Every structure is written in structure tokens, then in C-alpha cells.
């Protein structure tokens, strides 16, 4: 309840620029929400509030899923590193039978629940670090903007490769961030994504959706 109250007090419920049929609890300034999170927890060096923003990769991924509903319809879907839960919400709207959104930040898990309710969809969420174990069986794995740090990128790639070996389709939304392993993926779509200049180096970010080979 504490996390949910904090999110409601420090964000606004807004339509996502590239996916206006979805509304999310979003912050307007990254530094302000980060400082407010530190004050709420009473400590410094807390993880950045990734959940409070609609990142380029997540927007592109959600747009692609909603425009290609057969990818998710009737299937079990994992939204890995879900943040706001945008990709998972898109999967539910596309007709997924089950969606599990995973993010290790408790604020993200609370945000996912609030965002799901705001969009009148039902989905599960957990803060478990599932990268530490083998992947459960899912039909579709969605990954938005997780290749920004080397160690994390390596863990994510190993996880999705294992999921692919078990039969899952893997889709990634990523604007070619520093540690994105492009050689392992095939581009299936590209979008011009409106983003927050406070977070990115431009107001429109060219962002692709990729399928794991």
C-alpha cells in the first residue's frame, strides 16, 4: 500500500505517446522522482525509478504487439524487466491468456498493479529475480530496454536464449543501446518514438523491435 500511495502522489495518469490506448502512472522529471523515492525510503543510492517512464523500447514493443495481436492472443506471456508493465498490458489487450510481469523493484510491482487497473486488465506481477534460475515455460517473452548495462545484458541474453530453446518466441524493444547484442537478433519493425528529453538525448528516438533468432 505504501508504494502505491507514493506512486499516486508523485505521478500523473497519462496516455503513452506511441500507444495512446494505454495509460500509465508517469513522472514528469527523472531527478525529482528519484529524489522523492530516496526520501520515501529514507536512504540514498536507491535504484533509478525506471517504472515511472515510458521508455522507447517498451513503447515500440507495446505498439508492435498491439498491431500484431496474433503474437500474444491465447498465449502465456512473460514481460521481463517490466518497469511500468507497458508491454505486458499490451499483451493482455492483444488477447494473451496469461501475463506475468517481472521486475525486481517493489515500486515497479506496485506500479504494474496500478497501471493494470487503470487499463482494466488483469495480469500477475512479481519482484522475484527470475534471471537467477532457468526460465519457466512461456509462449512469448517480451523484453523492453534491458540492454543498458553489460552484466545485466549478458544475464538477459542467456535467459532469453534458454527460453527460446524451450520453444518461446522472444521479442525485444531496443533503440540499439550500448550492450544490445544486435548480432543475435533480427529486426522486425522500427518506430519513431516520442520520449522524454530529460531521459534521452533527443525528443524522438528511432527504436526497433527485434526477434531472437
Protein backbone atom coordinates (compact mmCIF):
# COMPACT_ATOMS: atom_id res chain seq x y z
CA UNK A 1 0.00 0.00 0.00
CA UNK A 2 2.84 2.39 0.82
CA UNK A 3 4.36 2.02 -2.64
CA UNK A 4 1.01 2.50 -4.35
CA UNK A 5 0.26 5.66 -2.36
CA UNK A 6 3.68 7.07 -3.26
CA UNK A 7 3.14 6.39 -6.95
CA UNK A 8 -0.30 8.03 -6.97
CA UNK A 9 1.08 11.09 -5.16
CA UNK A 10 4.09 11.60 -7.42
CA UNK A 11 2.91 10.67 -10.92
CA UNK A 12 0.14 11.51 -13.36
CA UNK A 13 -2.04 9.05 -15.24
CA UNK A 14 -1.21 9.83 -18.87
CA UNK A 15 -1.59 8.21 -22.31
CA UNK A 16 1.59 6.69 -23.72
CA UNK A 17 2.73 8.72 -26.77
CA UNK A 18 3.20 5.82 -29.21
CA UNK A 19 0.49 3.69 -27.57
CA UNK A 20 -2.28 6.15 -26.66
CA UNK A 21 -4.76 3.37 -25.97
CA UNK A 22 -2.72 2.62 -22.82
CA UNK A 23 -2.47 4.99 -19.85
CA UNK A 24 0.30 4.80 -17.27
CA UNK A 25 1.23 6.46 -13.99
CA UNK A 26 4.18 8.54 -15.25
CA UNK A 27 6.60 11.02 -13.72
CA UNK A 28 7.42 14.28 -15.46
CA UNK A 29 11.02 14.71 -14.26
CA UNK A 30 13.53 11.93 -13.61
CA UNK A 31 15.64 13.67 -10.97
CA UNK A 32 12.63 14.81 -8.95
CA UNK A 33 11.02 11.35 -8.76
CA UNK A 34 14.39 9.79 -7.93
CA UNK A 35 14.92 12.17 -5.01
CA UNK A 36 11.36 11.62 -3.83
CA UNK A 37 11.95 7.86 -3.87
CA UNK A 38 15.08 8.26 -1.74
CA UNK A 39 13.14 10.40 0.73
CA UNK A 40 10.31 7.87 0.86
CA UNK A 41 12.71 5.03 1.64
CA UNK A 42 14.88 7.11 3.94
CA UNK A 43 18.14 6.17 2.23
CA UNK A 44 20.35 7.18 -0.65
CA UNK A 45 21.55 5.20 -3.68
CA UNK A 46 18.19 3.58 -4.42
CA UNK A 47 17.69 2.13 -7.92
CA UNK A 48 16.55 4.64 -10.55
CA UNK A 49 12.74 4.75 -10.89
CA UNK A 50 12.64 3.10 -14.31
CA UNK A 51 8.97 2.21 -13.69
CA UNK A 52 7.95 5.90 -13.80
CA UNK A 53 8.67 6.39 -17.50
CA UNK A 54 7.54 5.00 -20.85
CA UNK A 55 10.91 4.07 -22.33
CA UNK A 56 11.43 3.94 -26.07
CA UNK A 57 11.93 0.18 -26.24
CA UNK A 58 8.82 -0.56 -24.21
CA UNK A 59 6.71 1.78 -26.33
CA UNK A 60 7.89 0.21 -29.57
CA UNK A 61 7.33 -3.29 -28.22
CA UNK A 62 3.82 -2.48 -26.99
CA UNK A 63 2.92 -0.88 -30.32
CA UNK A 64 4.17 -3.92 -32.23
CA UNK A 65 2.25 -6.36 -30.04
CA UNK A 66 -1.00 -4.40 -30.37
CA UNK A 67 -0.55 -4.15 -34.13
CA UNK A 68 0.22 -7.88 -34.41
CA UNK A 69 -2.21 -9.36 -31.91
CA UNK A 70 -1.80 -12.94 -33.11
CA UNK A 71 1.64 -12.95 -31.47
CA UNK A 72 0.07 -12.85 -27.99
CA UNK A 73 -3.53 -13.98 -28.47
CA UNK A 74 -4.30 -17.06 -26.38
CA UNK A 75 -0.68 -17.39 -25.22
CA UNK A 76 1.26 -17.20 -21.98
CA UNK A 77 3.48 -14.12 -21.94
CA UNK A 78 6.43 -13.03 -19.80
CA UNK A 79 7.16 -9.29 -19.56
CA UNK A 80 10.77 -9.32 -18.38
CA UNK A 81 12.13 -6.25 -16.59
CA UNK A 82 8.63 -4.89 -16.91
CA UNK A 83 9.05 -1.44 -15.33
CA UNK A 84 5.65 0.17 -15.78
CA UNK A 85 4.18 -3.05 -17.21
CA UNK A 86 3.51 -1.42 -20.59
CA UNK A 87 4.45 -4.40 -22.77
CA UNK A 88 2.52 -6.79 -20.55
CA UNK A 89 -0.57 -4.59 -20.63
CA UNK A 90 -0.35 -4.53 -24.42
CA UNK A 91 -0.15 -8.33 -24.44
CA UNK A 92 -3.32 -8.61 -22.33
CA UNK A 93 -5.12 -6.17 -24.62
CA UNK A 94 -3.96 -8.32 -27.55
CA UNK A 95 -5.69 -11.34 -26.01
CA UNK A 96 -2.97 -13.13 -24.07
CA UNK A 97 -4.26 -15.95 -21.87
CA UNK A 98 -1.81 -15.12 -19.07
CA UNK A 99 0.78 -12.40 -18.50
CA UNK A 100 3.46 -12.39 -15.82
CA UNK A 101 5.31 -9.09 -15.39
CA UNK A 102 8.67 -9.35 -13.62
CA UNK A 103 10.67 -6.52 -12.09
CA UNK A 104 12.92 -6.65 -9.02
CA UNK A 105 11.93 -3.13 -7.88
CA UNK A 106 8.97 -3.26 -5.44
CA UNK A 107 7.86 0.17 -6.68
CA UNK A 108 7.64 -1.30 -10.20
CA UNK A 109 5.48 -4.18 -8.98
CA UNK A 110 3.14 -1.67 -7.34
CA UNK A 111 3.14 0.49 -10.48
CA UNK A 112 2.28 -2.54 -12.61
CA UNK A 113 -0.75 -3.28 -10.44
CA UNK A 114 -1.92 0.34 -10.61
CA UNK A 115 -1.35 0.56 -14.36
CA UNK A 116 -3.14 -2.73 -14.99
CA UNK A 117 -6.14 -1.49 -13.02
CA UNK A 118 -6.09 1.85 -14.88
CA UNK A 119 -6.32 -0.05 -18.16
CA UNK A 120 -8.91 -2.55 -16.91
CA UNK A 121 -6.69 -5.59 -17.49
CA UNK A 122 -5.65 -8.47 -15.25
CA UNK A 123 -2.04 -9.61 -15.04
CA UNK A 124 0.36 -11.07 -12.49
CA UNK A 125 3.47 -9.32 -11.19
CA UNK A 126 6.45 -10.40 -9.11
CA UNK A 127 9.70 -8.93 -7.80
CA UNK A 128 11.48 -12.29 -7.96
CA UNK A 129 14.82 -12.28 -9.80
CA UNK A 130 13.92 -14.96 -12.32
CA UNK A 131 17.18 -14.43 -14.18
CA UNK A 132 18.82 -16.33 -11.33
CA UNK A 133 17.10 -19.54 -12.40
CA UNK A 134 16.04 -21.22 -15.59
CA UNK A 135 13.05 -19.82 -17.50
CA UNK A 136 9.61 -21.25 -16.89
CA UNK A 137 7.63 -22.25 -19.93
CA UNK A 138 6.14 -19.26 -21.74
CA UNK A 139 4.96 -18.94 -25.31
CA UNK A 140 6.23 -15.37 -25.68
CA UNK A 141 8.91 -13.40 -23.84
CA UNK A 142 8.87 -9.59 -24.13
CA UNK A 143 11.93 -7.50 -23.21
CA UNK A 144 11.96 -3.71 -23.32
CA UNK A 145 15.11 -1.64 -22.84
CA UNK A 146 17.15 -4.06 -20.71
CA UNK A 147 20.46 -3.93 -22.57
CA UNK A 148 21.83 -0.75 -21.00
CA UNK A 149 24.41 -2.35 -18.65
CA UNK A 150 26.92 -5.08 -19.52
CA UNK A 151 26.32 -7.62 -16.75
CA UNK A 152 22.55 -7.28 -16.95
CA UNK A 153 22.66 -7.57 -20.75
CA UNK A 154 24.65 -10.80 -20.51
CA UNK A 155 22.19 -12.28 -18.00
CA UNK A 156 19.18 -11.26 -20.07
CA UNK A 157 20.64 -12.71 -23.27
CA UNK A 158 21.41 -16.04 -21.57
CA UNK A 159 17.87 -16.15 -20.15
CA UNK A 160 16.08 -15.41 -23.41
CA UNK A 161 18.27 -17.86 -25.31
CA UNK A 162 17.29 -20.55 -22.82
CA UNK A 163 13.63 -19.58 -23.20
CA UNK A 164 13.97 -19.75 -26.98
CA UNK A 165 15.46 -23.24 -26.72
CA UNK A 166 12.32 -24.27 -24.84
CA UNK A 167 10.11 -23.03 -27.66
CA UNK A 168 9.31 -19.46 -26.65
CA UNK A 169 9.25 -16.62 -29.14
CA UNK A 170 11.35 -13.68 -27.92
CA UNK A 171 10.70 -10.06 -28.88
CA UNK A 172 12.87 -7.16 -27.72
CA UNK A 173 12.23 -3.44 -27.97
CA UNK A 174 15.55 -1.61 -28.01
CA UNK A 175 16.95 1.56 -29.65
CA UNK A 176 20.36 -0.08 -30.03
CA UNK A 177 21.57 0.68 -26.53
CA UNK A 178 25.23 0.20 -25.65
CA UNK A 179 25.11 -3.50 -24.82
CA UNK A 180 22.37 -4.68 -27.17
CA UNK A 181 23.70 -7.83 -28.93
CA UNK A 182 22.40 -6.96 -32.37
CA UNK A 183 24.10 -9.99 -33.94
CA UNK A 184 21.74 -12.31 -32.03
CA UNK A 185 18.55 -10.65 -33.29
CA UNK A 186 16.62 -9.87 -36.46
CA UNK A 187 14.85 -6.52 -36.80
CA UNK A 188 11.11 -6.87 -37.47
CA UNK A 189 9.89 -3.27 -37.13
CA UNK A 190 11.11 0.25 -36.47
CA UNK A 191 9.34 3.26 -34.96
CA UNK A 192 9.93 6.93 -34.27
CA UNK A 193 9.14 7.06 -30.56
CA UNK A 194 8.36 10.30 -28.67
CA UNK A 195 10.40 10.24 -25.47
CA UNK A 196 11.23 12.48 -22.53
CA UNK A 197 14.22 14.68 -23.30
CA UNK A 198 15.02 14.52 -19.59
CA UNK A 199 15.96 10.84 -20.15
CA UNK A 200 17.16 10.60 -23.72
CA UNK A 201 19.43 12.65 -25.99
CA UNK A 202 16.55 13.59 -28.32
CA UNK A 203 12.78 14.04 -28.34
CA UNK A 204 12.17 11.37 -30.99
CA UNK A 205 14.07 8.09 -30.62
CA UNK A 206 14.37 5.68 -33.53
CA UNK A 207 13.64 2.34 -31.92
CA UNK A 208 13.37 -1.17 -33.31
CA UNK A 209 11.60 -4.34 -32.34
CA UNK A 210 13.81 -7.39 -32.67
CA UNK A 211 13.15 -11.14 -32.76
CA UNK A 212 15.67 -13.52 -31.24
CA UNK A 213 16.97 -15.79 -33.95
